[in-house]
């Protein structure tokens, strides 16, 4: 389909129900999260070890085929001042390259502090360093996706 810039436009492009896929794109891994059909909660799913775009995309397409989400939310790593650096540009390029491979709409969600929040949650759960390294990306993906889900709920009920 296409890459959609604004959450409001993404909300309009989505069917009323259906799971959403959240992605935390790192240099070595891609964290993957999925929401429930009613889009109330995001759950960490898996981590894809990055090899090269074709293989990375195929792993995501296989997951999409199996789980049938209706949209993709990609964490956009902005700088703390809101500007976009090389990592954000790399994320935008990934979205542009992924878009022709799937009919799903793709949008971005500001991921500032999602990894920090995920790390804090794992520390509070007394997770070992090795387990934290293994789980951090898909938990960060779930934080990104949950942020978008919360925004969607607000858009659906602007008075609430």
C-alpha atoms as a PDB file:
ATOM      1  CA  UNK A   1       0.000   0.000   0.000  1.00  0.00           C
ATOM      2  CA  UNK A   2       1.696   3.146   1.128  1.00  0.00           C
ATOM      3  CA  UNK A   3       3.533   4.988   3.843  1.00  0.00           C
ATOM      4  CA  UNK A   4       1.255   7.346   5.784  1.00  0.00           C
ATOM      5  CA  UNK A   5       2.869  10.180   7.732  1.00  0.00           C
ATOM      6  CA  UNK A   6       0.212  11.216  10.260  1.00  0.00           C
ATOM      7  CA  UNK A   7      -1.490   9.005  12.886  1.00  0.00           C
ATOM      8  CA  UNK A   8      -4.812  10.698  12.065  1.00  0.00           C
ATOM      9  CA  UNK A   9      -4.482   9.678   8.402  1.00  0.00           C
ATOM     10  CA  UNK A  10      -3.480   6.148   9.402  1.00  0.00           C
ATOM     11  CA  UNK A  11      -6.536   5.873  11.648  1.00  0.00           C
ATOM     12  CA  UNK A  12      -8.743   6.816   8.687  1.00  0.00           C
ATOM     13  CA  UNK A  13      -7.032   4.197   6.467  1.00  0.00           C
ATOM     14  CA  UNK A  14      -7.608   1.311   8.894  1.00  0.00           C
ATOM     15  CA  UNK A  15     -10.646  -0.961   9.148  1.00  0.00           C
ATOM     16  CA  UNK A  16     -12.572  -0.700  12.450  1.00  0.00           C
ATOM     17  CA  UNK A  17     -11.105  -3.919  13.828  1.00  0.00           C
ATOM     18  CA  UNK A  18      -7.979  -5.932  13.178  1.00  0.00           C
ATOM     19  CA  UNK A  19      -4.598  -6.357  14.800  1.00  0.00           C
ATOM     20  CA  UNK A  20      -1.759  -3.902  14.233  1.00  0.00           C
ATOM     21  CA  UNK A  21       1.903  -4.811  13.906  1.00  0.00           C
ATOM     22  CA  UNK A  22       4.505  -2.743  15.759  1.00  0.00           C
ATOM     23  CA  UNK A  23       8.160  -2.701  14.733  1.00  0.00           C
ATOM     24  CA  UNK A  24      11.230  -1.406  16.555  1.00  0.00           C
ATOM     25  CA  UNK A  25      13.911  -1.180  13.880  1.00  0.00           C
ATOM     26  CA  UNK A  26      17.406  -1.491  15.282  1.00  0.00           C
ATOM     27  CA  UNK A  27      20.721  -1.815  13.483  1.00  0.00           C
ATOM     28  CA  UNK A  28      21.102  -5.497  14.460  1.00  0.00           C
ATOM     29  CA  UNK A  29      17.535  -6.587  15.205  1.00  0.00           C
ATOM     30  CA  UNK A  30      13.883  -5.763  14.554  1.00  0.00           C
ATOM     31  CA  UNK A  31      11.549  -6.052  17.527  1.00  0.00           C
ATOM     32  CA  UNK A  32       8.062  -7.228  16.605  1.00  0.00           C
ATOM     33  CA  UNK A  33       4.845  -6.666  18.588  1.00  0.00           C
ATOM     34  CA  UNK A  34       1.204  -7.337  17.774  1.00  0.00           C
ATOM     35  CA  UNK A  35      -2.031  -5.914  19.139  1.00  0.00           C
ATOM     36  CA  UNK A  36      -5.236  -7.786  19.756  1.00  0.00           C
ATOM     37  CA  UNK A  37      -8.052  -7.484  17.181  1.00  0.00           C
ATOM     38  CA  UNK A  38      -9.776  -4.707  19.161  1.00  0.00           C
ATOM     39  CA  UNK A  39      -6.479  -2.799  19.502  1.00  0.00           C
ATOM     40  CA  UNK A  40      -6.462  -2.466  23.258  1.00  0.00           C
ATOM     41  CA  UNK A  41      -3.112  -4.025  24.151  1.00  0.00           C
ATOM     42  CA  UNK A  42       0.215  -4.577  22.401  1.00  0.00           C
ATOM     43  CA  UNK A  43       2.141  -7.780  23.088  1.00  0.00           C
ATOM     44  CA  UNK A  44       5.792  -8.515  22.318  1.00  0.00           C
ATOM     45  CA  UNK A  45       6.087 -11.307  19.738  1.00  0.00           C
ATOM     46  CA  UNK A  46       9.594 -11.938  18.438  1.00  0.00           C
ATOM     47  CA  UNK A  47      12.914 -10.430  17.451  1.00  0.00           C
ATOM     48  CA  UNK A  48      14.226 -10.689  13.897  1.00  0.00           C
ATOM     49  CA  UNK A  49      18.020 -10.768  13.583  1.00  0.00           C
ATOM     50  CA  UNK A  50      18.890  -8.386  10.764  1.00  0.00           C
ATOM     51  CA  UNK A  51      20.839  -9.867   7.881  1.00  0.00           C
ATOM     52  CA  UNK A  52      19.992  -7.797   4.822  1.00  0.00           C
ATOM     53  CA  UNK A  53      16.803  -6.084   3.737  1.00  0.00           C
ATOM     54  CA  UNK A  54      15.462  -8.936   1.569  1.00  0.00           C
ATOM     55  CA  UNK A  55      15.779 -11.537   4.323  1.00  0.00           C
ATOM     56  CA  UNK A  56      14.573  -9.145   7.035  1.00  0.00           C
ATOM     57  CA  UNK A  57      11.521  -8.202   4.958  1.00  0.00           C
ATOM     58  CA  UNK A  58      10.742 -11.857   4.195  1.00  0.00           C
ATOM     59  CA  UNK A  59      10.725 -12.701   7.915  1.00  0.00           C
ATOM     60  CA  UNK A  60       8.268  -9.841   8.479  1.00  0.00           C
ATOM     61  CA  UNK A  61       6.106 -10.827   5.489  1.00  0.00           C
ATOM     62  CA  UNK A  62       5.975 -14.425   6.801  1.00  0.00           C
ATOM     63  CA  UNK A  63       4.809 -13.112  10.182  1.00  0.00           C
ATOM     64  CA  UNK A  64       2.250 -10.837   8.504  1.00  0.00           C
ATOM     65  CA  UNK A  65       0.920 -13.755   6.441  1.00  0.00           C
ATOM     66  CA  UNK A  66       0.564 -15.933   9.541  1.00  0.00           C
ATOM     67  CA  UNK A  67      -0.969 -13.325  11.873  1.00  0.00           C
ATOM     68  CA  UNK A  68      -2.864 -11.105   9.388  1.00  0.00           C
ATOM     69  CA  UNK A  69      -2.499  -7.621  10.907  1.00  0.00           C
ATOM     70  CA  UNK A  70      -4.231  -4.739   9.111  1.00  0.00           C
ATOM     71  CA  UNK A  71      -1.495  -2.111   9.499  1.00  0.00           C
ATOM     72  CA  UNK A  72       2.147  -1.574  10.449  1.00  0.00           C
ATOM     73  CA  UNK A  73       3.406   0.926  13.035  1.00  0.00           C
ATOM     74  CA  UNK A  74       7.127   1.583  12.694  1.00  0.00           C
ATOM     75  CA  UNK A  75       8.997   3.299  15.509  1.00  0.00           C
ATOM     76  CA  UNK A  76      10.654   6.497  14.271  1.00  0.00           C
ATOM     77  CA  UNK A  77      13.825   7.293  16.249  1.00  0.00           C
ATOM     78  CA  UNK A  78      13.711  11.069  16.548  1.00  0.00           C
ATOM     79  CA  UNK A  79      16.337  13.028  18.441  1.00  0.00           C
ATOM     80  CA  UNK A  80      15.293  14.373  21.825  1.00  0.00           C
ATOM     81  CA  UNK A  81      14.723  17.830  20.265  1.00  0.00           C
ATOM     82  CA  UNK A  82      12.295  16.280  17.754  1.00  0.00           C
ATOM     83  CA  UNK A  83      14.627  16.497  14.777  1.00  0.00           C
ATOM     84  CA  UNK A  84      15.439  13.513  12.586  1.00  0.00           C
ATOM     85  CA  UNK A  85      18.941  12.161  12.201  1.00  0.00           C
ATOM     86  CA  UNK A  86      20.493   9.289  10.219  1.00  0.00           C
ATOM     87  CA  UNK A  87      18.597   6.562  12.134  1.00  0.00           C
ATOM     88  CA  UNK A  88      15.244   8.199  11.343  1.00  0.00           C
ATOM     89  CA  UNK A  89      16.201   8.480   7.683  1.00  0.00           C
ATOM     90  CA  UNK A  90      17.193   4.806   7.673  1.00  0.00           C
ATOM     91  CA  UNK A  91      13.789   3.929   9.195  1.00  0.00           C
ATOM     92  CA  UNK A  92      11.983   5.957   6.539  1.00  0.00           C
ATOM     93  CA  UNK A  93      13.986   4.168   3.818  1.00  0.00           C
ATOM     94  CA  UNK A  94      13.062   0.790   5.359  1.00  0.00           C
ATOM     95  CA  UNK A  95       9.366   1.779   5.232  1.00  0.00           C
ATOM     96  CA  UNK A  96       9.647   2.901   1.591  1.00  0.00           C
ATOM     97  CA  UNK A  97      11.297  -0.420   0.686  1.00  0.00           C
ATOM     98  CA  UNK A  98       8.783  -2.509   2.667  1.00  0.00           C
ATOM     99  CA  UNK A  99       5.682  -0.726   1.297  1.00  0.00           C
ATOM    100  CA  UNK A 100       5.722  -2.387  -2.162  1.00  0.00           C
ATOM    101  CA  UNK A 101       5.980  -5.837  -0.530  1.00  0.00           C
ATOM    102  CA  UNK A 102       2.759  -5.609   1.497  1.00  0.00           C
ATOM    103  CA  UNK A 103      -0.742  -4.254   0.935  1.00  0.00           C
ATOM    104  CA  UNK A 104      -0.766  -2.965   4.532  1.00  0.00           C
ATOM    105  CA  UNK A 105      -0.560   0.746   5.293  1.00  0.00           C
ATOM    106  CA  UNK A 106       2.589   1.736   7.187  1.00  0.00           C
ATOM    107  CA  UNK A 107       2.946   4.691   9.521  1.00  0.00           C
ATOM    108  CA  UNK A 108       5.495   5.997  11.999  1.00  0.00           C
ATOM    109  CA  UNK A 109       5.293   6.523  15.750  1.00  0.00           C
ATOM    110  CA  UNK A 110       7.771   8.631  17.707  1.00  0.00           C
ATOM    111  CA  UNK A 111       9.768   6.050  19.622  1.00  0.00           C
ATOM    112  CA  UNK A 112      11.726   8.403  21.874  1.00  0.00           C
ATOM    113  CA  UNK A 113      12.272   6.696  25.212  1.00  0.00           C
ATOM    114  CA  UNK A 114      10.550   3.410  24.193  1.00  0.00           C
ATOM    115  CA  UNK A 115      13.775   1.443  24.666  1.00  0.00           C
ATOM    116  CA  UNK A 116      14.412   3.244  27.966  1.00  0.00           C
ATOM    117  CA  UNK A 117      10.891   2.323  29.143  1.00  0.00           C
ATOM    118  CA  UNK A 118      11.342  -1.279  28.011  1.00  0.00           C
ATOM    119  CA  UNK A 119      14.689  -1.529  29.804  1.00  0.00           C
ATOM    120  CA  UNK A 120      13.152  -0.095  32.979  1.00  0.00           C
ATOM    121  CA  UNK A 121      10.268  -2.616  32.826  1.00  0.00           C
ATOM    122  CA  UNK A 122      12.717  -5.502  32.410  1.00  0.00           C
ATOM    123  CA  UNK A 123      14.848  -4.249  35.304  1.00  0.00           C
ATOM    124  CA  UNK A 124      11.771  -3.923  37.518  1.00  0.00           C
ATOM    125  CA  UNK A 125      10.873  -7.506  36.597  1.00  0.00           C
ATOM    126  CA  UNK A 126      14.403  -8.480  37.758  1.00  0.00           C
ATOM    127  CA  UNK A 127      15.255  -9.876  34.330  1.00  0.00           C
ATOM    128  CA  UNK A 128      18.858 -11.052  33.886  1.00  0.00           C
ATOM    129  CA  UNK A 129      21.176  -9.081  31.609  1.00  0.00           C
ATOM    130  CA  UNK A 130      21.193 -11.873  29.004  1.00  0.00           C
ATOM    131  CA  UNK A 131      17.379 -12.108  28.989  1.00  0.00           C
ATOM    132  CA  UNK A 132      17.085  -8.299  28.791  1.00  0.00           C
ATOM    133  CA  UNK A 133      19.296  -8.223  25.697  1.00  0.00           C
ATOM    134  CA  UNK A 134      17.153 -10.957  24.159  1.00  0.00           C
ATOM    135  CA  UNK A 135      13.794  -9.298  24.906  1.00  0.00           C
ATOM    136  CA  UNK A 136      14.481  -5.554  24.776  1.00  0.00           C
ATOM    137  CA  UNK A 137      13.638  -5.042  21.078  1.00  0.00           C
ATOM    138  CA  UNK A 138      10.260  -6.769  21.018  1.00  0.00           C
ATOM    139  CA  UNK A 139       9.293  -5.115  24.306  1.00  0.00           C
ATOM    140  CA  UNK A 140      10.324  -1.738  22.849  1.00  0.00           C
ATOM    141  CA  UNK A 141       8.156  -2.602  19.812  1.00  0.00           C
ATOM    142  CA  UNK A 142       5.218  -3.225  22.145  1.00  0.00           C
ATOM    143  CA  UNK A 143       5.776   0.193  23.806  1.00  0.00           C
ATOM    144  CA  UNK A 144       5.794   1.836  20.364  1.00  0.00           C
ATOM    145  CA  UNK A 145       2.640   0.003  19.324  1.00  0.00           C
ATOM    146  CA  UNK A 146       0.894   0.697  22.651  1.00  0.00           C
ATOM    147  CA  UNK A 147       1.586   4.408  22.240  1.00  0.00           C
ATOM    148  CA  UNK A 148      -0.077   4.322  18.836  1.00  0.00           C
ATOM    149  CA  UNK A 149      -3.028   2.271  20.169  1.00  0.00           C
ATOM    150  CA  UNK A 150      -3.547   4.813  22.964  1.00  0.00           C
ATOM    151  CA  UNK A 151      -3.482   7.641  20.403  1.00  0.00           C
ATOM    152  CA  UNK A 152      -6.011   5.773  18.215  1.00  0.00           C
ATOM    153  CA  UNK A 153      -8.400   5.487  21.154  1.00  0.00           C
ATOM    154  CA  UNK A 154      -8.057   9.227  21.731  1.00  0.00           C
ATOM    155  CA  UNK A 155      -8.749   9.937  18.025  1.00  0.00           C
ATOM    156  CA  UNK A 156     -11.870   7.749  18.119  1.00  0.00           C
ATOM    157  CA  UNK A 157     -13.150   9.561  21.219  1.00  0.00           C
ATOM    158  CA  UNK A 158     -11.704  13.079  21.001  1.00  0.00           C
ATOM    159  CA  UNK A 159     -13.893  14.237  23.880  1.00  0.00           C
ATOM    160  CA  UNK A 160     -12.669  11.408  26.151  1.00  0.00           C
END
